[in-house]
C-alpha atoms as a PDB file:
ATOM      1  CA  MET A   1       6.629 -13.902 -18.535  1.00  0.00           C
ATOM      2  CA  ASP A   2       3.399 -11.801 -18.258  1.00  0.00           C
ATOM      3  CA  PHE A   3       2.313 -10.778 -14.374  1.00  0.00           C
ATOM      4  CA  ILE A   4      -0.921 -10.782 -12.518  1.00  0.00           C
ATOM      5  CA  VAL A   5      -0.042  -9.652  -9.666  1.00  0.00           C
ATOM      6  CA  ASP A   6       1.332  -5.950  -9.238  1.00  0.00           C
ATOM      7  CA  PRO A   7       2.932  -5.569  -6.060  1.00  0.00           C
ATOM      8  CA  CYS A   8       2.623  -1.860  -5.903  1.00  0.00           C
ATOM      9  CA  ILE A   9      -1.076  -1.684  -5.915  1.00  0.00           C
ATOM     10  CA  PRO A  10      -2.717  -2.681  -2.028  1.00  0.00           C
ATOM     11  CA  PHE A  11      -4.828  -5.758  -2.015  1.00  0.00           C
ATOM     12  CA  ASP A  12      -8.174  -4.384  -0.980  1.00  0.00           C
ATOM     13  CA  TYR A  13     -10.640  -7.369  -0.506  1.00  0.00           C
ATOM     14  CA  GLU A  14     -12.189  -7.151  -4.116  1.00  0.00           C
ATOM     15  CA  ARG A  15      -8.710  -7.479  -5.549  1.00  0.00           C
ATOM     16  CA  THR A  16      -7.534 -10.212  -3.750  1.00  0.00           C
ATOM     17  CA  SER A  17     -10.525 -12.070  -4.412  1.00  0.00           C
ATOM     18  CA  ARG A  18     -10.061 -11.673  -7.945  1.00  0.00           C
ATOM     19  CA  VAL A  19      -6.365 -12.086  -8.128  1.00  0.00           C
ATOM     20  CA  ILE A  20      -6.581 -15.173  -6.201  1.00  0.00           C
ATOM     21  CA  THR A  21      -8.601 -16.508  -9.313  1.00  0.00           C
ATOM     22  CA  ASP A  22      -6.807 -16.072 -11.045  1.00  0.00           C
ATOM     23  CA  LEU A  23      -3.934 -17.076 -10.135  1.00  0.00           C
ATOM     24  CA  CYS A  24      -5.438 -20.543  -9.792  1.00  0.00           C
ATOM     25  CA  GLU A  25      -6.731 -20.333 -13.061  1.00  0.00           C
ATOM     26  CA  LYS A  26      -2.924 -19.108 -14.757  1.00  0.00           C
ATOM     27  CA  TYR A  27      -0.908 -21.885 -12.588  1.00  0.00           C
ATOM     28  CA  ARG A  28      -3.705 -24.239 -12.262  1.00  0.00           C
ATOM     29  CA  GLY A  29      -2.245 -27.516 -10.482  1.00  0.00           C
ATOM     30  CA  ILE A  30       0.268 -25.463  -8.867  1.00  0.00           C
ATOM     31  CA  ILE A  31      -2.027 -22.815  -6.805  1.00  0.00           C
ATOM     32  CA  ARG A  32      -5.364 -23.967  -5.295  1.00  0.00           C
ATOM     33  CA  LYS A  33      -7.578 -22.432  -2.931  1.00  0.00           C
ATOM     34  CA  ASP A  34      -9.264 -22.731   0.072  1.00  0.00           C
ATOM     35  CA  ILE A  35     -11.580 -20.722   2.307  1.00  0.00           C
ATOM     36  CA  VAL A  36     -10.668 -21.176   6.084  1.00  0.00           C
ATOM     37  CA  GLY A  37     -13.033 -19.320   7.624  1.00  0.00           C
ATOM     38  CA  LYS A  38     -15.153 -15.984   8.043  1.00  0.00           C
ATOM     39  CA  SER A  39     -14.588 -12.439   8.983  1.00  0.00           C
ATOM     40  CA  GLU A  40     -16.711 -10.939  11.590  1.00  0.00           C
ATOM     41  CA  LYS A  41     -18.598  -8.664   8.327  1.00  0.00           C
ATOM     42  CA  GLY A  42     -18.691 -12.453   6.394  1.00  0.00           C
ATOM     43  CA  ARG A  43     -15.900 -11.946   4.621  1.00  0.00           C
ATOM     44  CA  ASN A  44     -13.429 -14.771   3.221  1.00  0.00           C
ATOM     45  CA  ILE A  45     -10.728 -15.655   4.743  1.00  0.00           C
ATOM     46  CA  TYR A  46      -8.723 -17.240   1.859  1.00  0.00           C
ATOM     47  CA  VAL A  47      -5.650 -19.769   2.312  1.00  0.00           C
ATOM     48  CA  ILE A  48      -3.744 -20.290  -1.051  1.00  0.00           C
ATOM     49  CA  LYS A  49      -1.562 -24.465  -1.639  1.00  0.00           C
ATOM     50  CA  LEU A  50       1.572 -23.666  -3.410  1.00  0.00           C
ATOM     51  CA  GLY A  51       3.640 -26.792  -4.175  1.00  0.00           C
ATOM     52  CA  SER A  52       3.309 -30.305  -3.200  1.00  0.00           C
ATOM     53  CA  GLY A  53       5.448 -31.374  -1.533  1.00  0.00           C
ATOM     54  CA  ARG A  54       6.033 -33.774   1.306  1.00  0.00           C
ATOM     55  CA  ARG A  55       7.447 -30.158   4.026  1.00  0.00           C
ATOM     56  CA  LYS A  56       4.574 -27.717   5.379  1.00  0.00           C
ATOM     57  CA  VAL A  57       5.676 -23.881   5.547  1.00  0.00           C
ATOM     58  CA  LEU A  58       2.836 -21.120   6.587  1.00  0.00           C
ATOM     59  CA  PHE A  59       3.061 -17.945   5.569  1.00  0.00           C
ATOM     60  CA  VAL A  60       0.125 -15.402   7.437  1.00  0.00           C
ATOM     61  CA  GLY A  61      -0.217 -11.876   5.843  1.00  0.00           C
ATOM     62  CA  GLY A  62      -2.696  -8.952   6.886  1.00  0.00           C
ATOM     63  CA  ILE A  63      -2.965  -9.679  10.521  1.00  0.00           C
ATOM     64  CA  HIS A  64      -3.368  -6.162  11.456  1.00  0.00           C
ATOM     65  CA  GLY A  65      -5.076  -4.440   9.017  1.00  0.00           C
ATOM     66  CA  ARG A  66      -2.099  -1.319   8.255  1.00  0.00           C
ATOM     67  CA  GLU A  67      -0.521  -4.792   7.849  1.00  0.00           C
ATOM     68  CA  TYR A  68      -1.536  -4.740   4.414  1.00  0.00           C
ATOM     69  CA  VAL A  69       1.469  -4.422   2.614  1.00  0.00           C
ATOM     70  CA  THR A  70       2.321  -8.046   3.425  1.00  0.00           C
ATOM     71  CA  ALA A  71       0.167  -9.454   1.101  1.00  0.00           C
ATOM     72  CA  ASN A  72       1.368  -7.747  -1.776  1.00  0.00           C
ATOM     73  CA  PHE A  73       4.698  -9.409  -0.464  1.00  0.00           C
ATOM     74  CA  LEU A  74       2.925 -12.608  -0.299  1.00  0.00           C
ATOM     75  CA  PHE A  75       0.986 -12.428  -3.796  1.00  0.00           C
ATOM     76  CA  TYR A  76       4.448 -11.577  -5.274  1.00  0.00           C
ATOM     77  CA  SER A  77       6.883 -14.075  -4.426  1.00  0.00           C
ATOM     78  CA  MET A  78       3.715 -16.770  -4.634  1.00  0.00           C
ATOM     79  CA  GLU A  79       3.248 -16.065  -8.361  1.00  0.00           C
ATOM     80  CA  LEU A  80       7.595 -16.033  -9.054  1.00  0.00           C
ATOM     81  CA  TYR A  81       7.531 -19.792  -7.593  1.00  0.00           C
ATOM     82  CA  ALA A  82       4.799 -20.698  -9.606  1.00  0.00           C
ATOM     83  CA  GLY A  83       5.855 -19.282 -12.422  1.00  0.00           C
ATOM     84  CA  SER A  84       9.829 -20.125 -12.305  1.00  0.00           C
ATOM     85  CA  ASP A  85      11.306 -23.533 -13.524  1.00  0.00           C
ATOM     86  CA  GLU A  86      14.292 -23.116 -10.825  1.00  0.00           C
ATOM     87  CA  CYS A  87      11.722 -23.037  -8.020  1.00  0.00           C
ATOM     88  CA  LYS A  88      10.038 -26.521  -9.808  1.00  0.00           C
ATOM     89  CA  GLU A  89      11.864 -28.721  -7.231  1.00  0.00           C
ATOM     90  CA  ILE A  90      11.264 -26.677  -4.306  1.00  0.00           C
ATOM     91  CA  LEU A  91       7.492 -26.793  -5.587  1.00  0.00           C
ATOM     92  CA  ARG A  92       7.922 -30.864  -5.587  1.00  0.00           C
ATOM     93  CA  GLU A  93       9.554 -30.835  -2.200  1.00  0.00           C
ATOM     94  CA  HIS A  94       7.333 -28.762  -0.232  1.00  0.00           C
ATOM     95  CA  THR A  95       3.478 -27.102   0.317  1.00  0.00           C
ATOM     96  CA  PHE A  96       3.510 -23.385   0.723  1.00  0.00           C
ATOM     97  CA  TYR A  97       0.099 -22.503   2.786  1.00  0.00           C
ATOM     98  CA  ILE A  98       0.048 -18.630   1.965  1.00  0.00           C
ATOM     99  CA  VAL A  99      -3.269 -17.217   4.340  1.00  0.00           C
ATOM    100  CA  PRO A 100      -2.035 -13.271   2.200  1.00  0.00           C
ATOM    101  CA  VAL A 101      -5.176 -11.547   4.384  1.00  0.00           C
ATOM    102  CA  CYS A 102      -5.873 -12.958   7.902  1.00  0.00           C
ATOM    103  CA  ASN A 103      -7.736 -10.534   9.117  1.00  0.00           C
ATOM    104  CA  PRO A 104      -9.313  -8.564   6.123  1.00  0.00           C
ATOM    105  CA  ASP A 105     -12.128  -6.619   7.833  1.00  0.00           C
ATOM    106  CA  SER A 106      -9.413  -4.617   9.594  1.00  0.00           C
ATOM    107  CA  VAL A 107      -7.084  -3.906   6.206  1.00  0.00           C
ATOM    108  CA  GLU A 108     -10.585  -2.592   4.857  1.00  0.00           C
ATOM    109  CA  ILE A 109     -10.658  -0.663   7.080  1.00  0.00           C
ATOM    110  CA  ALA A 110      -7.419   0.630   7.143  1.00  0.00           C
ATOM    111  CA  LEU A 111      -7.652   1.574   2.951  1.00  0.00           C
ATOM    112  CA  SER A 112     -10.923   3.331   4.119  1.00  0.00           C
ATOM    113  CA  LEU A 113     -13.291   1.214   2.014  1.00  0.00           C
ATOM    114  CA  ASP A 114     -15.114   0.122   5.471  1.00  0.00           C
ATOM    115  CA  GLU A 115     -16.190   1.234   9.441  1.00  0.00           C
ATOM    116  CA  PRO A 116     -15.396  -0.748  11.848  1.00  0.00           C
ATOM    117  CA  VAL A 117     -17.324  -3.251  13.824  1.00  0.00           C
ATOM    118  CA  CYS A 118     -18.600  -1.746  16.859  1.00  0.00           C
ATOM    119  CA  LYS A 119     -18.934  -3.674  20.152  1.00  0.00           C
ATOM    120  CA  GLU A 120     -21.037  -4.025  23.255  1.00  0.00           C
ATOM    121  CA  ALA A 121     -17.396  -2.981  24.834  1.00  0.00           C
ATOM    122  CA  GLY A 122     -17.880   0.513  23.626  1.00  0.00           C
ATOM    123  CA  PHE A 123     -14.784   0.825  20.838  1.00  0.00           C
ATOM    124  CA  CYS A 124     -16.546   2.780  18.213  1.00  0.00           C
ATOM    125  CA  HIS A 125     -15.110   4.982  15.355  1.00  0.00           C
ATOM    126  CA  ASP A 126     -15.023   8.135  17.161  1.00  0.00           C
ATOM    127  CA  THR A 127     -13.209   7.490  20.432  1.00  0.00           C
ATOM    128  CA  PHE A 128     -11.453   3.945  19.007  1.00  0.00           C
ATOM    129  CA  LYS A 129      -9.082   3.783  16.054  1.00  0.00           C
ATOM    130  CA  ASP A 130      -9.317   0.259  14.719  1.00  0.00           C
ATOM    131  CA  ASN A 131      -6.041  -1.147  12.636  1.00  0.00           C
END
């Protein structure tokens, strides 16, 4: 099986968006995407639906910026399940709702691709280590 997901490369916002689109195209009918909200900086917060079953399971990754590796695990697991003949019955019985990166702004900061948003509380980059 040719994999889209390389679990060894961190998922910044651009890569996350691209891989979600690629997975939806490759596994049409098995993987679907939706946007459940926007971050402080206007980035989409995605939910991926995997499967079509009555039983619902929720996975959330990237809650804190330094936990970006959870997205790697979730994307890799998603592709393994979507492409596996052994998992077809599981995906008929379950729908997995996967939010791979719940806090995309914080992940971008942790990967040093973005600056934190400074609020009135005085949590600025020089004095506060944002995650």
